C-alpha atoms as a PDB file:
ATOM      1  CA  MET A   1       0.000   0.000   0.000  1.00  0.00           C
ATOM      2  CA  LEU A   2       1.188   3.510  -0.852  1.00  0.00           C
ATOM      3  CA  LYS A   3       0.352   6.319   1.550  1.00  0.00           C
ATOM      4  CA  THR A   4       0.501   9.923   0.378  1.00  0.00           C
ATOM      5  CA  ILE A   5       1.626  12.593   2.824  1.00  0.00           C
ATOM      6  CA  ASP A   6       1.178  16.191   1.682  1.00  0.00           C
ATOM      7  CA  ILE A   7       3.394  18.493   3.716  1.00  0.00           C
ATOM      8  CA  GLY A   8       3.938  20.947   0.886  1.00  0.00           C
ATOM      9  CA  HIS A   9       0.487  22.477   0.762  1.00  0.00           C
ATOM     10  CA  GLN A  10      -0.257  22.712   4.486  1.00  0.00           C
ATOM     11  CA  LYS A  11       1.605  25.969   5.153  1.00  0.00           C
ATOM     12  CA  TYR A  12       3.725  24.277   7.812  1.00  0.00           C
ATOM     13  CA  LYS A  13       6.875  25.939   8.999  1.00  0.00           C
ATOM     14  CA  LEU A  14       9.920  23.875   8.018  1.00  0.00           C
ATOM     15  CA  ASP A  15      10.416  22.335  11.470  1.00  0.00           C
ATOM     16  CA  SER A  16       6.741  21.416  11.713  1.00  0.00           C
ATOM     17  CA  ALA A  17       6.757  19.827   8.259  1.00  0.00           C
ATOM     18  CA  ILE A  18       9.752  17.634   9.147  1.00  0.00           C
ATOM     19  CA  SER A  19       8.117  16.724  12.457  1.00  0.00           C
ATOM     20  CA  VAL A  20       4.974  15.602  10.607  1.00  0.00           C
ATOM     21  CA  LEU A  21       7.167  13.609   8.224  1.00  0.00           C
ATOM     22  CA  GLU A  22       8.983  11.912  11.116  1.00  0.00           C
ATOM     23  CA  THR A  23       5.696  11.017  12.796  1.00  0.00           C
ATOM     24  CA  GLU A  24       4.132   9.653   9.614  1.00  0.00           C
ATOM     25  CA  VAL A  25       7.216   7.574   8.776  1.00  0.00           C
ATOM     26  CA  SER A  26       7.405   6.121  12.295  1.00  0.00           C
ATOM     27  CA  THR A  27       3.697   5.281  12.219  1.00  0.00           C
ATOM     28  CA  ALA A  28       4.060   3.610   8.814  1.00  0.00           C
ATOM     29  CA  LEU A  29       7.113   1.625   9.876  1.00  0.00           C
ATOM     30  CA  HIS A  30       5.414   0.316  13.012  1.00  0.00           C
ATOM     31  CA  GLY A  31       1.963  -0.187  11.489  1.00  0.00           C
ATOM     32  CA  GLY A  32       3.046  -2.760   8.935  1.00  0.00           C
ATOM     33  CA  GLU A  33       0.342  -1.995   6.359  1.00  0.00           C
ATOM     34  CA  VAL A  34       2.113   0.755   4.431  1.00  0.00           C
ATOM     35  CA  GLN A  35       4.933  -0.319   2.121  1.00  0.00           C
ATOM     36  CA  ALA A  36       5.781   3.039   0.583  1.00  0.00           C
ATOM     37  CA  LEU A  37       5.228   6.718   1.244  1.00  0.00           C
ATOM     38  CA  LYS A  38       4.749   9.432  -1.324  1.00  0.00           C
ATOM     39  CA  ILE A  39       5.836  12.714   0.194  1.00  0.00           C
ATOM     40  CA  ILE A  40       4.461  15.785  -1.547  1.00  0.00           C
ATOM     41  CA  HIS A  41       6.714  18.686  -0.642  1.00  0.00           C
ATOM     42  CA  GLY A  42       5.843  20.936  -3.553  1.00  0.00           C
ATOM     43  CA  HIS A  43       7.972  22.910  -5.948  1.00  0.00           C
ATOM     44  CA  GLY A  44       8.438  26.322  -4.331  1.00  0.00           C
ATOM     45  CA  GLN A  45      12.017  27.448  -3.859  1.00  0.00           C
ATOM     46  CA  GLY A  46      13.140  23.947  -2.959  1.00  0.00           C
ATOM     47  CA  THR A  47      13.680  24.587   0.754  1.00  0.00           C
ATOM     48  CA  LEU A  48      11.218  21.933   1.920  1.00  0.00           C
ATOM     49  CA  ARG A  49      12.286  19.490  -0.813  1.00  0.00           C
ATOM     50  CA  ASN A  50      15.911  19.822   0.277  1.00  0.00           C
ATOM     51  CA  ALA A  51      14.983  19.453   3.953  1.00  0.00           C
ATOM     52  CA  VAL A  52      12.964  16.277   3.237  1.00  0.00           C
ATOM     53  CA  ARG A  53      15.730  14.757   1.153  1.00  0.00           C
ATOM     54  CA  ASN A  54      18.436  15.693   3.662  1.00  0.00           C
ATOM     55  CA  TRP A  55      16.329  14.151   6.422  1.00  0.00           C
ATOM     56  CA  CYS A  56      16.076  10.953   4.352  1.00  0.00           C
ATOM     57  CA  VAL A  57      19.876  10.877   3.970  1.00  0.00           C
ATOM     58  CA  GLU A  58      20.236  11.244   7.749  1.00  0.00           C
ATOM     59  CA  GLN A  59      17.937   8.212   8.153  1.00  0.00           C
ATOM     60  CA  GLN A  60      20.170   6.014   5.987  1.00  0.00           C
ATOM     61  CA  GLY A  61      19.474   2.317   6.518  1.00  0.00           C
ATOM     62  CA  ARG A  62      15.982   2.948   7.839  1.00  0.00           C
ATOM     63  CA  PHE A  63      14.412   2.617   4.369  1.00  0.00           C
ATOM     64  CA  ARG A  64      14.819   0.226   1.480  1.00  0.00           C
ATOM     65  CA  ALA A  65      15.079   3.177  -0.924  1.00  0.00           C
ATOM     66  CA  VAL A  66      14.429   6.879  -1.290  1.00  0.00           C
ATOM     67  CA  ILE A  67      13.358   7.834  -4.784  1.00  0.00           C
ATOM     68  CA  HIS A  68      13.309  11.426  -5.976  1.00  0.00           C
ATOM     69  CA  GLY A  69      10.345  12.320  -8.146  1.00  0.00           C
ATOM     70  CA  GLU A  70      12.600  13.313 -11.028  1.00  0.00           C
ATOM     71  CA  ASP A  71      14.022   9.749 -11.020  1.00  0.00           C
ATOM     72  CA  TYR A  72      10.674   7.962 -10.619  1.00  0.00           C
ATOM     73  CA  ASP A  73      10.303   6.244 -13.980  1.00  0.00           C
ATOM     74  CA  MET A  74      10.694   2.919 -15.762  1.00  0.00           C
ATOM     75  CA  PHE A  75      14.434   3.428 -16.187  1.00  0.00           C
ATOM     76  CA  HIS A  76      15.116   3.707 -12.435  1.00  0.00           C
ATOM     77  CA  GLN A  77      15.520   0.221 -10.928  1.00  0.00           C
ATOM     78  CA  ASP A  78      14.364   1.103  -7.394  1.00  0.00           C
ATOM     79  CA  SER A  79      11.252   2.725  -8.878  1.00  0.00           C
ATOM     80  CA  VAL A  80      10.413  -0.357 -10.909  1.00  0.00           C
ATOM     81  CA  ASP A  81      11.138  -2.701  -7.994  1.00  0.00           C
ATOM     82  CA  MET A  82       9.092  -0.632  -5.526  1.00  0.00           C
ATOM     83  CA  ARG A  83       6.099  -0.462  -7.858  1.00  0.00           C
ATOM     84  CA  SER A  84       6.276  -4.206  -8.433  1.00  0.00           C
ATOM     85  CA  ALA A  85       6.758  -5.200  -4.774  1.00  0.00           C
ATOM     86  CA  CYS A  86       4.033  -2.867  -3.558  1.00  0.00           C
ATOM     87  CA  ALA A  87       1.613  -3.627  -6.409  1.00  0.00           C
ATOM     88  CA  LEU A  88       1.193   0.095  -6.859  1.00  0.00           C
ATOM     89  CA  PRO A  89      -1.692   1.338  -8.944  1.00  0.00           C
ATOM     90  CA  LYS A  90      -1.194   3.874 -11.664  1.00  0.00           C
ATOM     91  CA  ASP A  91       0.488   6.921 -10.214  1.00  0.00           C
ATOM     92  CA  PRO A  92       0.086  10.238 -12.032  1.00  0.00           C
ATOM     93  CA  HIS A  93       3.657  11.173 -11.077  1.00  0.00           C
ATOM     94  CA  PHE A  94       5.264   8.059 -12.598  1.00  0.00           C
ATOM     95  CA  GLY A  95       7.464   9.071 -15.508  1.00  0.00           C
ATOM     96  CA  THR A  96       6.768  12.802 -15.193  1.00  0.00           C
ATOM     97  CA  ARG A  97      10.138  13.739 -13.625  1.00  0.00           C
ATOM     98  CA  ASN A  98       8.226  15.691 -10.991  1.00  0.00           C
ATOM     99  CA  ARG A  99      10.559  17.294  -8.442  1.00  0.00           C
ATOM    100  CA  SER A 100       7.677  18.088  -6.095  1.00  0.00           C
ATOM    101  CA  VAL A 101       7.546  14.531  -4.682  1.00  0.00           C
ATOM    102  CA  THR A 102       9.858  12.076  -2.974  1.00  0.00           C
ATOM    103  CA  TYR A 103       9.062   8.394  -2.429  1.00  0.00           C
ATOM    104  CA  ILE A 104      10.209   6.367   0.559  1.00  0.00           C
ATOM    105  CA  TRP A 105      10.151   2.576   0.123  1.00  0.00           C
ATOM    106  CA  LEU A 106       9.944   0.980   3.550  1.00  0.00           C
ATOM    107  CA  TRP A 107      11.471  -2.316   4.676  1.00  0.00           C
END
């Protein structure tokens, strides 16, 4: 199952957005039903996108993969593997090279 978390359109301050992300990831990891998260951080100036992606780097080893929206296509092996393993339905962002999203594939 893929869960979408929209922190880019909620007018959160940066710290609050990352706190929501941390909470949602922890809940997903411990709940067992969610296999992947789609984080919508928006385009903007890239501040939130960079914060989300830096946070993911700091969490190294906690996730099977982190896939940037601009890499999320049929030529990116983690993207293909995640979609297959999670039996993901059609995703409007697949293949669009959309920088406003980041995917987290959970263990």
